Amino acid sequence: MGVPFNFKCNGVGHYICSRCGFELFNTDDKIEKHETPYPISFTKAMADNSVIKIMEPNIQPQSNQSTRNGSLVACGRCRIPIGYEYSCQENSGQTYFDIEWKSLLFVPRKICAVPWSFLI
């Protein structure tokens, strides 16, 4: 099906849910961000139904904690939480996804090995 997420994996392909195999993100939309606890980020999901937002209970933070500015997101098929979606204020509200690496499997894009001579 797929291989576990590897921090050094820079191949071309897509990421699927490690629980149910649903297609979540494309490597073309992967961004490198290291200022968050989540090691992998994406600018968009593969499809509109790839991820869903989950309403979290309204928990009041303790006085020494800041509130989180993201929405919890889950796999669009099995509904397991996979990370957070954030809005980037300096990019006119564009969103990005910070995803927990354990929730992803990498599926490399297959390269067609058929020679093009058959088209001539």
C-alpha atoms as a PDB file:
ATOM      1  CA  MET A   1       0.000   0.000   0.000  1.00  0.00           C
ATOM      2  CA  GLY A   2       2.435   2.694   1.175  1.00  0.00           C
ATOM      3  CA  VAL A   3       5.574   3.145   3.215  1.00  0.00           C
ATOM      4  CA  PRO A   4       5.780   4.872   6.599  1.00  0.00           C
ATOM      5  CA  PHE A   5       6.612   8.563   6.499  1.00  0.00           C
ATOM      6  CA  ASN A   6      10.347   9.194   6.416  1.00  0.00           C
ATOM      7  CA  PHE A   7      11.773  12.620   7.225  1.00  0.00           C
ATOM      8  CA  LYS A   8      14.287  12.186   4.388  1.00  0.00           C
ATOM      9  CA  CYS A   9      11.704  11.017   1.859  1.00  0.00           C
ATOM     10  CA  ASN A  10      11.706  13.586  -0.938  1.00  0.00           C
ATOM     11  CA  GLY A  11      10.149  11.449  -3.642  1.00  0.00           C
ATOM     12  CA  VAL A  12       7.240  12.348  -5.870  1.00  0.00           C
ATOM     13  CA  GLY A  13       3.900  10.823  -4.998  1.00  0.00           C
ATOM     14  CA  HIS A  14       1.158  11.275  -2.464  1.00  0.00           C
ATOM     15  CA  TYR A  15       0.376  10.646   1.188  1.00  0.00           C
ATOM     16  CA  ILE A  16      -2.434   8.432   2.390  1.00  0.00           C
ATOM     17  CA  CYS A  17      -4.050   7.889   5.782  1.00  0.00           C
ATOM     18  CA  SER A  18      -2.066   5.313   7.749  1.00  0.00           C
ATOM     19  CA  ARG A  19      -5.300   3.897   9.157  1.00  0.00           C
ATOM     20  CA  CYS A  20      -7.579   3.488   6.119  1.00  0.00           C
ATOM     21  CA  GLY A  21      -5.465   4.276   3.028  1.00  0.00           C
ATOM     22  CA  PHE A  22      -7.515   7.301   1.905  1.00  0.00           C
ATOM     23  CA  GLU A  23      -5.579   9.782  -0.285  1.00  0.00           C
ATOM     24  CA  LEU A  24      -4.884  12.954   1.714  1.00  0.00           C
ATOM     25  CA  PHE A  25      -2.056  15.082   0.288  1.00  0.00           C
ATOM     26  CA  ASN A  26       0.156  15.379  -2.800  1.00  0.00           C
ATOM     27  CA  THR A  27       3.929  15.911  -2.603  1.00  0.00           C
ATOM     28  CA  ASP A  28       3.533  18.899  -4.969  1.00  0.00           C
ATOM     29  CA  ASP A  29       1.736  20.708  -2.122  1.00  0.00           C
ATOM     30  CA  LYS A  30       4.272  19.841   0.610  1.00  0.00           C
ATOM     31  CA  ILE A  31       6.049  22.750   2.303  1.00  0.00           C
ATOM     32  CA  GLU A  32       9.035  22.722   4.623  1.00  0.00           C
ATOM     33  CA  LYS A  33       8.170  24.265   7.991  1.00  0.00           C
ATOM     34  CA  HIS A  34      10.151  23.680  11.117  1.00  0.00           C
ATOM     35  CA  GLU A  35       8.784  26.214  13.609  1.00  0.00           C
ATOM     36  CA  THR A  36       5.927  23.927  14.649  1.00  0.00           C
ATOM     37  CA  PRO A  37       5.920  20.564  16.435  1.00  0.00           C
ATOM     38  CA  TYR A  38       4.489  18.967  13.277  1.00  0.00           C
ATOM     39  CA  PRO A  39       7.231  17.829  10.888  1.00  0.00           C
ATOM     40  CA  ILE A  40       5.230  17.958   7.667  1.00  0.00           C
ATOM     41  CA  SER A  41       3.005  20.665   6.217  1.00  0.00           C
ATOM     42  CA  PHE A  42       0.918  21.070   3.077  1.00  0.00           C
ATOM     43  CA  THR A  43      -0.688  24.048   1.345  1.00  0.00           C
ATOM     44  CA  LYS A  44      -3.804  22.079   0.376  1.00  0.00           C
ATOM     45  CA  ALA A  45      -5.435  18.678   0.553  1.00  0.00           C
ATOM     46  CA  MET A  46      -5.654  16.397  -2.492  1.00  0.00           C
ATOM     47  CA  ALA A  47      -9.423  16.828  -2.802  1.00  0.00           C
ATOM     48  CA  ASP A  48     -12.204  18.721  -1.057  1.00  0.00           C
ATOM     49  CA  ASN A  49     -13.252  15.575   0.813  1.00  0.00           C
ATOM     50  CA  SER A  50      -9.704  14.395   1.721  1.00  0.00           C
ATOM     51  CA  VAL A  51      -9.777  16.069   5.134  1.00  0.00           C
ATOM     52  CA  ILE A  52     -12.581  17.388   7.304  1.00  0.00           C
ATOM     53  CA  LYS A  53     -12.590  19.910  10.131  1.00  0.00           C
ATOM     54  CA  ILE A  54     -13.553  18.601  13.557  1.00  0.00           C
ATOM     55  CA  MET A  55     -15.208  20.856  16.082  1.00  0.00           C
ATOM     56  CA  GLU A  56     -13.213  20.719  19.297  1.00  0.00           C
ATOM     57  CA  PRO A  57     -14.875  21.347  22.650  1.00  0.00           C
ATOM     58  CA  ASN A  58     -14.438  24.922  23.805  1.00  0.00           C
ATOM     59  CA  ILE A  59     -11.704  24.443  26.411  1.00  0.00           C
ATOM     60  CA  GLN A  60     -10.588  27.493  28.347  1.00  0.00           C
ATOM     61  CA  PRO A  61      -6.784  27.706  28.423  1.00  0.00           C
ATOM     62  CA  GLN A  62      -4.996  28.032  31.700  1.00  0.00           C
ATOM     63  CA  SER A  63      -3.734  31.528  32.456  1.00  0.00           C
ATOM     64  CA  ASN A  64      -0.150  30.722  31.404  1.00  0.00           C
ATOM     65  CA  GLN A  65      -1.104  29.073  28.083  1.00  0.00           C
ATOM     66  CA  SER A  66      -1.957  30.725  24.794  1.00  0.00           C
ATOM     67  CA  THR A  67      -4.973  29.666  22.752  1.00  0.00           C
ATOM     68  CA  ARG A  68      -4.435  27.592  19.635  1.00  0.00           C
ATOM     69  CA  ASN A  69      -5.233  29.353  16.359  1.00  0.00           C
ATOM     70  CA  GLY A  70      -5.970  26.255  14.275  1.00  0.00           C
ATOM     71  CA  SER A  71      -8.781  23.885  13.439  1.00  0.00           C
ATOM     72  CA  LEU A  72      -8.399  20.179  14.126  1.00  0.00           C
ATOM     73  CA  VAL A  73      -8.577  18.165  10.886  1.00  0.00           C
ATOM     74  CA  ALA A  74      -9.241  14.477  10.327  1.00  0.00           C
ATOM     75  CA  CYS A  75      -9.117  11.943   7.510  1.00  0.00           C
ATOM     76  CA  GLY A  76     -12.149  12.417   5.269  1.00  0.00           C
ATOM     77  CA  ARG A  77     -12.919   8.691   5.279  1.00  0.00           C
ATOM     78  CA  CYS A  78     -12.187   7.216   8.727  1.00  0.00           C
ATOM     79  CA  ARG A  79     -12.379  10.519  10.679  1.00  0.00           C
ATOM     80  CA  ILE A  80      -9.183   9.909  12.700  1.00  0.00           C
ATOM     81  CA  PRO A  81      -7.575  13.227  13.732  1.00  0.00           C
ATOM     82  CA  ILE A  82      -4.384  13.869  11.724  1.00  0.00           C
ATOM     83  CA  GLY A  83      -3.332  17.453  12.522  1.00  0.00           C
ATOM     84  CA  TYR A  84      -4.379  21.104  12.268  1.00  0.00           C
ATOM     85  CA  GLU A  85      -5.305  23.624   9.597  1.00  0.00           C
ATOM     86  CA  TYR A  86      -4.017  27.164  10.135  1.00  0.00           C
ATOM     87  CA  SER A  87      -4.723  30.456   8.421  1.00  0.00           C
ATOM     88  CA  CYS A  88      -1.680  32.459   7.321  1.00  0.00           C
ATOM     89  CA  GLN A  89      -2.467  36.133   7.953  1.00  0.00           C
ATOM     90  CA  GLU A  90       0.418  37.498   5.851  1.00  0.00           C
ATOM     91  CA  ASN A  91      -0.743  35.511   2.782  1.00  0.00           C
ATOM     92  CA  SER A  92      -4.260  36.974   2.603  1.00  0.00           C
ATOM     93  CA  GLY A  93      -5.724  34.238   4.767  1.00  0.00           C
ATOM     94  CA  GLN A  94      -4.341  31.263   2.800  1.00  0.00           C
ATOM     95  CA  THR A  95      -4.463  28.105   4.886  1.00  0.00           C
ATOM     96  CA  TYR A  96      -1.916  25.365   5.444  1.00  0.00           C
ATOM     97  CA  PHE A  97      -2.037  21.994   7.162  1.00  0.00           C
ATOM     98  CA  ASP A  98       0.367  20.788   9.878  1.00  0.00           C
ATOM     99  CA  ILE A  99       0.081  17.000   9.924  1.00  0.00           C
ATOM    100  CA  GLU A 100       1.241  14.434  12.467  1.00  0.00           C
ATOM    101  CA  TRP A 101       3.741  12.168  10.691  1.00  0.00           C
ATOM    102  CA  LYS A 102       2.346   8.962  12.244  1.00  0.00           C
ATOM    103  CA  SER A 103      -0.946   9.518  10.442  1.00  0.00           C
ATOM    104  CA  LEU A 104       0.637   9.327   6.950  1.00  0.00           C
ATOM    105  CA  LEU A 105       1.977   6.684   4.586  1.00  0.00           C
ATOM    106  CA  PHE A 106       3.920   7.707   1.478  1.00  0.00           C
ATOM    107  CA  VAL A 107       2.976   6.225  -1.904  1.00  0.00           C
ATOM    108  CA  PRO A 108       5.589   6.923  -4.597  1.00  0.00           C
ATOM    109  CA  ARG A 109       4.320   7.908  -8.027  1.00  0.00           C
ATOM    110  CA  LYS A 110       4.849   5.084 -10.485  1.00  0.00           C
ATOM    111  CA  ILE A 111       6.858   5.976 -13.580  1.00  0.00           C
ATOM    112  CA  CYS A 112       5.721   4.418 -16.824  1.00  0.00           C
ATOM    113  CA  ALA A 113       8.501   2.249 -18.258  1.00  0.00           C
ATOM    114  CA  VAL A 114       6.823   1.738 -21.662  1.00  0.00           C
ATOM    115  CA  PRO A 115       8.933   3.121 -24.539  1.00  0.00           C
ATOM    116  CA  TRP A 116       7.336   5.904 -26.575  1.00  0.00           C
ATOM    117  CA  SER A 117       8.250   4.215 -29.913  1.00  0.00           C
ATOM    118  CA  PHE A 118       4.919   2.375 -30.026  1.00  0.00           C
ATOM    119  CA  LEU A 119       3.202   5.741 -30.710  1.00  0.00           C
ATOM    120  CA  ILE A 120       5.093   6.300 -33.977  1.00  0.00           C
END
